[in-house]
Amino acid sequence: MLQDCCTLAEADGLRDTLCALAAYPEPVILDAAAVQRVDTAALQLLAAFVRDRRLAGRTVRWQTPSPALEAAARLLGMDSMLQLDGAAR
């Protein structure tokens, strides 16, 4: 689902995609295998999405988060917020 480049330039598209999934009743699975570049803006959108889903009692699961995504999240201390620790590999 996530593109290879998740940066401020793509933030509007990412936000629209996440907003469309926000109220989805089933678990949302985010496939992040293709992510090669990610910046703080994209990580903040993803963190807000994960938080809002959790607060609504809904689940987000990560499928194959890329090393780039994991490294950026770890560097910014956001891996816990994004709930990457239980990601399927």
PDB file of N, CA and C in Angstrom:
ATOM      1  N   MET A   1       0.814  -1.195   0.000  1.00  0.00           N
ATOM      2  CA  MET A   1       0.000   0.000   0.000  1.00  0.00           C
ATOM      3  C   MET A   1       0.857   1.258   0.000  1.00  0.00           C
ATOM      4  N   LEU A   2       1.874   1.323   0.862  1.00  0.00           N
ATOM      5  CA  LEU A   2       2.706   2.515   0.898  1.00  0.00           C
ATOM      6  C   LEU A   2       3.663   2.529  -0.287  1.00  0.00           C
ATOM      7  N   GLN A   3       3.875   3.706  -0.841  1.00  0.00           N
ATOM      8  CA  GLN A   3       4.740   3.869  -2.005  1.00  0.00           C
ATOM      9  C   GLN A   3       6.211   3.835  -1.599  1.00  0.00           C
ATOM     10  N   ASP A   4       7.090   3.812  -2.583  1.00  0.00           N
ATOM     11  CA  ASP A   4       8.523   3.774  -2.292  1.00  0.00           C
ATOM     12  C   ASP A   4       9.024   5.070  -1.675  1.00  0.00           C
ATOM     13  N   CYS A   5       8.350   6.165  -1.980  1.00  0.00           N
ATOM     14  CA  CYS A   5       8.742   7.468  -1.447  1.00  0.00           C
ATOM     15  C   CYS A   5       7.587   8.030  -0.615  1.00  0.00           C
ATOM     16  N   CYS A   6       7.795   8.142   0.668  1.00  0.00           N
ATOM     17  CA  CYS A   6       6.787   8.682   1.590  1.00  0.00           C
ATOM     18  C   CYS A   6       7.379   9.929   2.242  1.00  0.00           C
ATOM     19  N   THR A   7       7.201  11.044   1.562  1.00  0.00           N
ATOM     20  CA  THR A   7       7.767  12.300   2.039  1.00  0.00           C
ATOM     21  C   THR A   7       6.699  13.390   2.025  1.00  0.00           C
ATOM     22  N   LEU A   8       7.089  14.574   2.411  1.00  0.00           N
ATOM     23  CA  LEU A   8       6.169  15.707   2.442  1.00  0.00           C
ATOM     24  C   LEU A   8       5.499  15.911   1.082  1.00  0.00           C
ATOM     25  N   ALA A   9       6.234  15.669   0.011  1.00  0.00           N
ATOM     26  CA  ALA A   9       5.676  15.849  -1.330  1.00  0.00           C
ATOM     27  C   ALA A   9       4.493  14.923  -1.596  1.00  0.00           C
ATOM     28  N   GLU A  10       4.487  13.771  -0.971  1.00  0.00           N
ATOM     29  CA  GLU A  10       3.407  12.799  -1.162  1.00  0.00           C
ATOM     30  C   GLU A  10       2.412  12.795  -0.003  1.00  0.00           C
ATOM     31  N   ALA A  11       2.568  13.707   0.935  1.00  0.00           N
ATOM     32  CA  ALA A  11       1.765  13.683   2.168  1.00  0.00           C
ATOM     33  C   ALA A  11       0.274  13.825   1.906  1.00  0.00           C
ATOM     34  N   ASP A  12      -0.126  14.647   0.944  1.00  0.00           N
ATOM     35  CA  ASP A  12      -1.558  14.816   0.681  1.00  0.00           C
ATOM     36  C   ASP A  12      -2.194  13.506   0.235  1.00  0.00           C
ATOM     37  N   GLY A  13      -1.533  12.788  -0.652  1.00  0.00           N
ATOM     38  CA  GLY A  13      -2.059  11.507  -1.116  1.00  0.00           C
ATOM     39  C   GLY A  13      -2.111  10.481  -0.004  1.00  0.00           C
ATOM     40  N   LEU A  14      -1.056  10.442   0.809  1.00  0.00           N
ATOM     41  CA  LEU A  14      -1.021   9.513   1.939  1.00  0.00           C
ATOM     42  C   LEU A  14      -2.132   9.841   2.924  1.00  0.00           C
ATOM     43  N   ARG A  15      -2.303  11.118   3.223  1.00  0.00           N
ATOM     44  CA  ARG A  15      -3.366  11.539   4.150  1.00  0.00           C
ATOM     45  C   ARG A  15      -4.735  11.116   3.632  1.00  0.00           C
ATOM     46  N   ASP A  16      -4.979  11.320   2.333  1.00  0.00           N
ATOM     47  CA  ASP A  16      -6.270  10.946   1.753  1.00  0.00           C
ATOM     48  C   ASP A  16      -6.511   9.438   1.868  1.00  0.00           C
ATOM     49  N   THR A  17      -5.476   8.664   1.597  1.00  0.00           N
ATOM     50  CA  THR A  17      -5.582   7.209   1.699  1.00  0.00           C
ATOM     51  C   THR A  17      -5.892   6.782   3.127  1.00  0.00           C
ATOM     52  N   LEU A  18      -5.147   7.341   4.079  1.00  0.00           N
ATOM     53  CA  LEU A  18      -5.350   6.978   5.479  1.00  0.00           C
ATOM     54  C   LEU A  18      -6.717   7.427   5.988  1.00  0.00           C
ATOM     55  N   CYS A  19      -7.161   8.598   5.578  1.00  0.00           N
ATOM     56  CA  CYS A  19      -8.482   9.085   6.003  1.00  0.00           C
ATOM     57  C   CYS A  19      -9.590   8.161   5.502  1.00  0.00           C
ATOM     58  N   ALA A  20      -9.426   7.640   4.288  1.00  0.00           N
ATOM     59  CA  ALA A  20     -10.422   6.726   3.735  1.00  0.00           C
ATOM     60  C   ALA A  20     -10.486   5.423   4.526  1.00  0.00           C
ATOM     61  N   LEU A  21      -9.394   5.064   5.185  1.00  0.00           N
ATOM     62  CA  LEU A  21      -9.333   3.818   5.956  1.00  0.00           C
ATOM     63  C   LEU A  21      -9.609   4.012   7.445  1.00  0.00           C
ATOM     64  N   ALA A  22      -9.704   5.238   7.893  1.00  0.00           N
ATOM     65  CA  ALA A  22      -9.785   5.533   9.329  1.00  0.00           C
ATOM     66  C   ALA A  22     -10.945   4.824  10.022  1.00  0.00           C
ATOM     67  N   ALA A  23     -12.098   4.814   9.427  1.00  0.00           N
ATOM     68  CA  ALA A  23     -13.278   4.224  10.066  1.00  0.00           C
ATOM     69  C   ALA A  23     -13.544   2.796   9.613  1.00  0.00           C
ATOM     70  N   TYR A  24     -12.669   2.235   8.811  1.00  0.00           N
ATOM     71  CA  TYR A  24     -12.831   0.865   8.326  1.00  0.00           C
ATOM     72  C   TYR A  24     -12.902  -0.073   9.528  1.00  0.00           C
ATOM     73  N   PRO A  25     -13.939  -0.898   9.618  1.00  0.00           N
ATOM     74  CA  PRO A  25     -14.133  -1.700  10.831  1.00  0.00           C
ATOM     75  C   PRO A  25     -13.151  -2.871  10.980  1.00  0.00           C
ATOM     76  N   GLU A  26     -12.650  -3.388   9.893  1.00  0.00           N
ATOM     77  CA  GLU A  26     -11.717  -4.518   9.947  1.00  0.00           C
ATOM     78  C   GLU A  26     -10.301  -4.007  10.206  1.00  0.00           C
ATOM     79  N   PRO A  27      -9.391  -4.883  10.639  1.00  0.00           N
ATOM     80  CA  PRO A  27      -7.994  -4.457  10.788  1.00  0.00           C
ATOM     81  C   PRO A  27      -7.436  -3.922   9.466  1.00  0.00           C
ATOM     82  N   VAL A  28      -6.695  -2.852   9.549  1.00  0.00           N
ATOM     83  CA  VAL A  28      -6.034  -2.290   8.378  1.00  0.00           C
ATOM     84  C   VAL A  28      -4.605  -2.817   8.363  1.00  0.00           C
ATOM     85  N   ILE A  29      -4.213  -3.373   7.234  1.00  0.00           N
ATOM     86  CA  ILE A  29      -2.854  -3.895   7.081  1.00  0.00           C
ATOM     87  C   ILE A  29      -2.087  -2.951   6.174  1.00  0.00           C
ATOM     88  N   LEU A  30      -1.024  -2.364   6.717  1.00  0.00           N
ATOM     89  CA  LEU A  30      -0.190  -1.446   5.959  1.00  0.00           C
ATOM     90  C   LEU A  30       1.028  -2.198   5.424  1.00  0.00           C
ATOM     91  N   ASP A  31       1.086  -2.351   4.119  1.00  0.00           N
ATOM     92  CA  ASP A  31       2.210  -3.007   3.473  1.00  0.00           C
ATOM     93  C   ASP A  31       3.259  -1.940   3.189  1.00  0.00           C
ATOM     94  N   ALA A  32       4.379  -2.029   3.872  1.00  0.00           N
ATOM     95  CA  ALA A  32       5.423  -1.008   3.760  1.00  0.00           C
ATOM     96  C   ALA A  32       6.709  -1.560   3.180  1.00  0.00           C
ATOM     97  N   ALA A  33       6.619  -2.671   2.467  1.00  0.00           N
ATOM     98  CA  ALA A  33       7.808  -3.309   1.914  1.00  0.00           C
ATOM     99  C   ALA A  33       8.521  -2.434   0.887  1.00  0.00           C
ATOM    100  N   ALA A  34       7.796  -1.620   0.150  1.00  0.00           N
ATOM    101  CA  ALA A  34       8.379  -0.827  -0.932  1.00  0.00           C
ATOM    102  C   ALA A  34       9.024   0.476  -0.468  1.00  0.00           C
ATOM    103  N   VAL A  35       8.793   0.874   0.770  1.00  0.00           N
ATOM    104  CA  VAL A  35       9.272   2.181   1.240  1.00  0.00           C
ATOM    105  C   VAL A  35      10.804   2.244   1.223  1.00  0.00           C
ATOM    106  N   GLN A  36      11.317   3.203   0.458  1.00  0.00           N
ATOM    107  CA  GLN A  36      12.756   3.437   0.392  1.00  0.00           C
ATOM    108  C   GLN A  36      13.152   4.761   1.029  1.00  0.00           C
ATOM    109  N   ARG A  37      12.236   5.735   0.947  1.00  0.00           N
ATOM    110  CA  ARG A  37      12.467   7.048   1.552  1.00  0.00           C
ATOM    111  C   ARG A  37      11.241   7.431   2.350  1.00  0.00           C
ATOM    112  N   VAL A  38      11.491   7.901   3.567  1.00  0.00           N
ATOM    113  CA  VAL A  38      10.389   8.335   4.418  1.00  0.00           C
ATOM    114  C   VAL A  38      10.901   9.505   5.260  1.00  0.00           C
ATOM    115  N   ASP A  39      10.048  10.497   5.451  1.00  0.00           N
ATOM    116  CA  ASP A  39      10.461  11.639   6.263  1.00  0.00           C
ATOM    117  C   ASP A  39       9.522  11.823   7.447  1.00  0.00           C
ATOM    118  N   THR A  40       9.821  12.829   8.231  1.00  0.00           N
ATOM    119  CA  THR A  40       9.063  13.078   9.454  1.00  0.00           C
ATOM    120  C   THR A  40       7.588  13.343   9.178  1.00  0.00           C
ATOM    121  N   ALA A  41       7.280  14.062   8.109  1.00  0.00           N
ATOM    122  CA  ALA A  41       5.880  14.363   7.796  1.00  0.00           C
ATOM    123  C   ALA A  41       5.072  13.080   7.588  1.00  0.00           C
ATOM    124  N   ALA A  42       5.612  12.142   6.834  1.00  0.00           N
ATOM    125  CA  ALA A  42       4.911  10.883   6.590  1.00  0.00           C
ATOM    126  C   ALA A  42       4.806  10.065   7.869  1.00  0.00           C
ATOM    127  N   LEU A  43       5.875  10.041   8.645  1.00  0.00           N
ATOM    128  CA  LEU A  43       5.830   9.291   9.907  1.00  0.00           C
ATOM    129  C   LEU A  43       4.800   9.881  10.862  1.00  0.00           C
ATOM    130  N   GLN A  44       4.670  11.197  10.871  1.00  0.00           N
ATOM    131  CA  GLN A  44       3.670  11.833  11.736  1.00  0.00           C
ATOM    132  C   GLN A  44       2.257  11.463  11.288  1.00  0.00           C
ATOM    133  N   LEU A  45       2.019  11.443   9.981  1.00  0.00           N
ATOM    134  CA  LEU A  45       0.702  11.032   9.484  1.00  0.00           C
ATOM    135  C   LEU A  45       0.399   9.588   9.869  1.00  0.00           C
ATOM    136  N   LEU A  46       1.377   8.730   9.685  1.00  0.00           N
ATOM    137  CA  LEU A  46       1.190   7.322  10.028  1.00  0.00           C
ATOM    138  C   LEU A  46       0.964   7.133  11.523  1.00  0.00           C
ATOM    139  N   ALA A  47       1.718   7.862  12.335  1.00  0.00           N
ATOM    140  CA  ALA A  47       1.562   7.762  13.787  1.00  0.00           C
ATOM    141  C   ALA A  47       0.176   8.243  14.222  1.00  0.00           C
ATOM    142  N   ALA A  48      -0.305   9.322  13.634  1.00  0.00           N
ATOM    143  CA  ALA A  48      -1.640   9.824  13.969  1.00  0.00           C
ATOM    144  C   ALA A  48      -2.709   8.814  13.562  1.00  0.00           C
ATOM    145  N   PHE A  49      -2.522   8.187  12.408  1.00  0.00           N
ATOM    146  CA  PHE A  49      -3.464   7.173  11.933  1.00  0.00           C
ATOM    147  C   PHE A  49      -3.499   5.983  12.891  1.00  0.00           C
ATOM    148  N   VAL A  50      -2.338   5.489  13.262  1.00  0.00           N
ATOM    149  CA  VAL A  50      -2.257   4.349  14.190  1.00  0.00           C
ATOM    150  C   VAL A  50      -2.900   4.723  15.524  1.00  0.00           C
ATOM    151  N   ARG A  51      -2.587   5.910  16.037  1.00  0.00           N
ATOM    152  CA  ARG A  51      -3.154   6.362  17.321  1.00  0.00           C
ATOM    153  C   ARG A  51      -4.675   6.476  17.250  1.00  0.00           C
ATOM    154  N   ASP A  52      -5.182   7.109  16.197  1.00  0.00           N
ATOM    155  CA  ASP A  52      -6.624   7.298  16.073  1.00  0.00           C
ATOM    156  C   ASP A  52      -7.352   5.963  15.947  1.00  0.00           C
ATOM    157  N   ARG A  53      -6.770   5.045  15.200  1.00  0.00           N
ATOM    158  CA  ARG A  53      -7.383   3.717  15.075  1.00  0.00           C
ATOM    159  C   ARG A  53      -7.389   3.005  16.427  1.00  0.00           C
ATOM    160  N   ARG A  54      -6.279   3.096  17.140  1.00  0.00           N
ATOM    161  CA  ARG A  54      -6.190   2.442  18.454  1.00  0.00           C
ATOM    162  C   ARG A  54      -7.232   3.035  19.418  1.00  0.00           C
ATOM    163  N   LEU A  55      -7.347   4.355  19.437  1.00  0.00           N
ATOM    164  CA  LEU A  55      -8.310   5.008  20.327  1.00  0.00           C
ATOM    165  C   LEU A  55      -9.754   4.650  19.987  1.00  0.00           C
ATOM    166  N   ALA A  56      -9.994   4.327  18.713  1.00  0.00           N
ATOM    167  CA  ALA A  56     -11.335   3.928  18.283  1.00  0.00           C
ATOM    168  C   ALA A  56     -11.559   2.421  18.454  1.00  0.00           C
ATOM    169  N   GLY A  57     -10.574   1.727  19.025  1.00  0.00           N
ATOM    170  CA  GLY A  57     -10.700   0.293  19.224  1.00  0.00           C
ATOM    171  C   GLY A  57     -10.490  -0.514  17.956  1.00  0.00           C
ATOM    172  N   ARG A  58      -9.797   0.087  16.988  1.00  0.00           N
ATOM    173  CA  ARG A  58      -9.544  -0.589  15.713  1.00  0.00           C
ATOM    174  C   ARG A  58      -8.061  -0.892  15.572  1.00  0.00           C
ATOM    175  N   THR A  59      -7.767  -1.882  14.768  1.00  0.00           N
ATOM    176  CA  THR A  59      -6.412  -2.408  14.661  1.00  0.00           C
ATOM    177  C   THR A  59      -5.704  -1.951  13.390  1.00  0.00           C
ATOM    178  N   VAL A  60      -4.391  -1.724  13.533  1.00  0.00           N
ATOM    179  CA  VAL A  60      -3.501  -1.505  12.397  1.00  0.00           C
ATOM    180  C   VAL A  60      -2.397  -2.545  12.514  1.00  0.00           C
ATOM    181  N   ARG A  61      -2.122  -3.217  11.410  1.00  0.00           N
ATOM    182  CA  ARG A  61      -1.032  -4.188  11.373  1.00  0.00           C
ATOM    183  C   ARG A  61      -0.065  -3.795  10.263  1.00  0.00           C
ATOM    184  N   TRP A  62       1.195  -4.008  10.507  1.00  0.00           N
ATOM    185  CA  TRP A  62       2.238  -3.737   9.513  1.00  0.00           C
ATOM    186  C   TRP A  62       2.634  -5.032   8.836  1.00  0.00           C
ATOM    187  N   GLN A  63       2.714  -4.983   7.529  1.00  0.00           N
ATOM    188  CA  GLN A  63       3.196  -6.125   6.763  1.00  0.00           C
ATOM    189  C   GLN A  63       4.527  -5.737   6.131  1.00  0.00           C
ATOM    190  N   THR A  64       5.555  -6.426   6.493  1.00  0.00           N
ATOM    191  CA  THR A  64       6.883  -6.264   5.920  1.00  0.00           C
ATOM    192  C   THR A  64       7.347  -4.803   5.882  1.00  0.00           C
ATOM    193  N   PRO A  65       7.453  -4.155   7.024  1.00  0.00           N
ATOM    194  CA  PRO A  65       7.985  -2.787   7.000  1.00  0.00           C
ATOM    195  C   PRO A  65       9.427  -2.805   6.496  1.00  0.00           C
ATOM    196  N   SER A  66       9.735  -1.891   5.604  1.00  0.00           N
ATOM    197  CA  SER A  66      11.068  -1.864   5.012  1.00  0.00           C
ATOM    198  C   SER A  66      12.116  -1.432   6.034  1.00  0.00           C
ATOM    199  N   PRO A  67      13.361  -1.784   5.785  1.00  0.00           N
ATOM    200  CA  PRO A  67      14.436  -1.312   6.663  1.00  0.00           C
ATOM    201  C   PRO A  67      14.486   0.217   6.747  1.00  0.00           C
ATOM    202  N   ALA A  68      14.175   0.903   5.639  1.00  0.00           N
ATOM    203  CA  ALA A  68      14.192   2.373   5.648  1.00  0.00           C
ATOM    204  C   ALA A  68      13.133   2.932   6.593  1.00  0.00           C
ATOM    205  N   LEU A  69      11.945   2.353   6.564  1.00  0.00           N
ATOM    206  CA  LEU A  69      10.868   2.800   7.449  1.00  0.00           C
ATOM    207  C   LEU A  69      11.227   2.518   8.904  1.00  0.00           C
ATOM    208  N   GLU A  70      11.698   1.325   9.172  1.00  0.00           N
ATOM    209  CA  GLU A  70      12.058   0.974  10.545  1.00  0.00           C
ATOM    210  C   GLU A  70      13.192   1.842  11.073  1.00  0.00           C
ATOM    211  N   ALA A  71      14.195   2.101  10.245  1.00  0.00           N
ATOM    212  CA  ALA A  71      15.332   2.924  10.683  1.00  0.00           C
ATOM    213  C   ALA A  71      14.902   4.358  10.969  1.00  0.00           C
ATOM    214  N   ALA A  72      14.081   4.926  10.098  1.00  0.00           N
ATOM    215  CA  ALA A  72      13.620   6.301  10.307  1.00  0.00           C
ATOM    216  C   ALA A  72      12.765   6.398  11.570  1.00  0.00           C
ATOM    217  N   ALA A  73      11.878   5.443  11.767  1.00  0.00           N
ATOM    218  CA  ALA A  73      11.027   5.447  12.956  1.00  0.00           C
ATOM    219  C   ALA A  73      11.864   5.304  14.221  1.00  0.00           C
ATOM    220  N   ARG A  74      12.842   4.420  14.172  1.00  0.00           N
ATOM    221  CA  ARG A  74      13.724   4.215  15.336  1.00  0.00           C
ATOM    222  C   ARG A  74      14.531   5.477  15.618  1.00  0.00           C
ATOM    223  N   LEU A  75      15.080   6.094  14.565  1.00  0.00           N
ATOM    224  CA  LEU A  75      15.889   7.304  14.706  1.00  0.00           C
ATOM    225  C   LEU A  75      15.099   8.427  15.381  1.00  0.00           C
ATOM    226  N   LEU A  76      13.817   8.540  15.030  1.00  0.00           N
ATOM    227  CA  LEU A  76      12.971   9.598  15.580  1.00  0.00           C
ATOM    228  C   LEU A  76      12.226   9.171  16.849  1.00  0.00           C
ATOM    229  N   GLY A  77      12.475   7.949  17.298  1.00  0.00           N
ATOM    230  CA  GLY A  77      11.806   7.459  18.503  1.00  0.00           C
ATOM    231  C   GLY A  77      10.328   7.213  18.301  1.00  0.00           C
ATOM    232  N   MET A  78       9.932   6.888  17.068  1.00  0.00           N
ATOM    233  CA  MET A  78       8.520   6.707  16.748  1.00  0.00           C
ATOM    234  C   MET A  78       8.132   5.249  16.521  1.00  0.00           C
ATOM    235  N   ASP A  79       9.070   4.323  16.650  1.00  0.00           N
ATOM    236  CA  ASP A  79       8.763   2.926  16.374  1.00  0.00           C
ATOM    237  C   ASP A  79       7.674   2.394  17.302  1.00  0.00           C
ATOM    238  N   SER A  80       7.683   2.819  18.541  1.00  0.00           N
ATOM    239  CA  SER A  80       6.651   2.401  19.486  1.00  0.00           C
ATOM    240  C   SER A  80       5.301   3.028  19.128  1.00  0.00           C
ATOM    241  N   MET A  81       5.297   4.312  18.791  1.00  0.00           N
ATOM    242  CA  MET A  81       4.062   4.998  18.399  1.00  0.00           C
ATOM    243  C   MET A  81       3.425   4.344  17.184  1.00  0.00           C
ATOM    244  N   LEU A  82       4.270   3.912  16.258  1.00  0.00           N
ATOM    245  CA  LEU A  82       3.781   3.284  15.036  1.00  0.00           C
ATOM    246  C   LEU A  82       3.429   1.814  15.239  1.00  0.00           C
ATOM    247  N   GLN A  83       3.747   1.295  16.408  1.00  0.00           N
ATOM    248  CA  GLN A  83       3.492  -0.107  16.741  1.00  0.00           C
ATOM    249  C   GLN A  83       4.184  -1.047  15.753  1.00  0.00           C
ATOM    250  N   LEU A  84       5.426  -0.705  15.420  1.00  0.00           N
ATOM    251  CA  LEU A  84       6.209  -1.524  14.491  1.00  0.00           C
ATOM    252  C   LEU A  84       6.777  -2.767  15.140  1.00  0.00           C
ATOM    253  N   ASP A  85       6.777  -2.830  16.453  1.00  0.00           N
ATOM    254  CA  ASP A  85       7.393  -3.948  17.153  1.00  0.00           C
ATOM    255  C   ASP A  85       6.700  -5.283  16.888  1.00  0.00           C
ATOM    256  N   GLY A  86       5.457  -5.277  16.523  1.00  0.00           N
ATOM    257  CA  GLY A  86       4.750  -6.527  16.250  1.00  0.00           C
ATOM    258  C   GLY A  86       4.517  -6.780  14.782  1.00  0.00           C
ATOM    259  N   ALA A  87       5.307  -6.147  13.929  1.00  0.00           N
ATOM    260  CA  ALA A  87       5.090  -6.236  12.493  1.00  0.00           C
ATOM    261  C   ALA A  87       5.408  -7.616  11.942  1.00  0.00           C
ATOM    262  N   ALA A  88       4.617  -8.036  10.972  1.00  0.00           N
ATOM    263  CA  ALA A  88       4.896  -9.298  10.266  1.00  0.00           C
ATOM    264  C   ALA A  88       6.065  -9.100   9.331  1.00  0.00           C
ATOM    265  N   ARG A  89       6.968 -10.023   9.351  1.00  0.00           N
ATOM    266  CA  ARG A  89       8.163  -9.922   8.501  1.00  0.00           C
ATOM    267  C   ARG A  89       8.071 -10.867   7.343  1.00  0.00           C
TER     268      ARG A  89
END
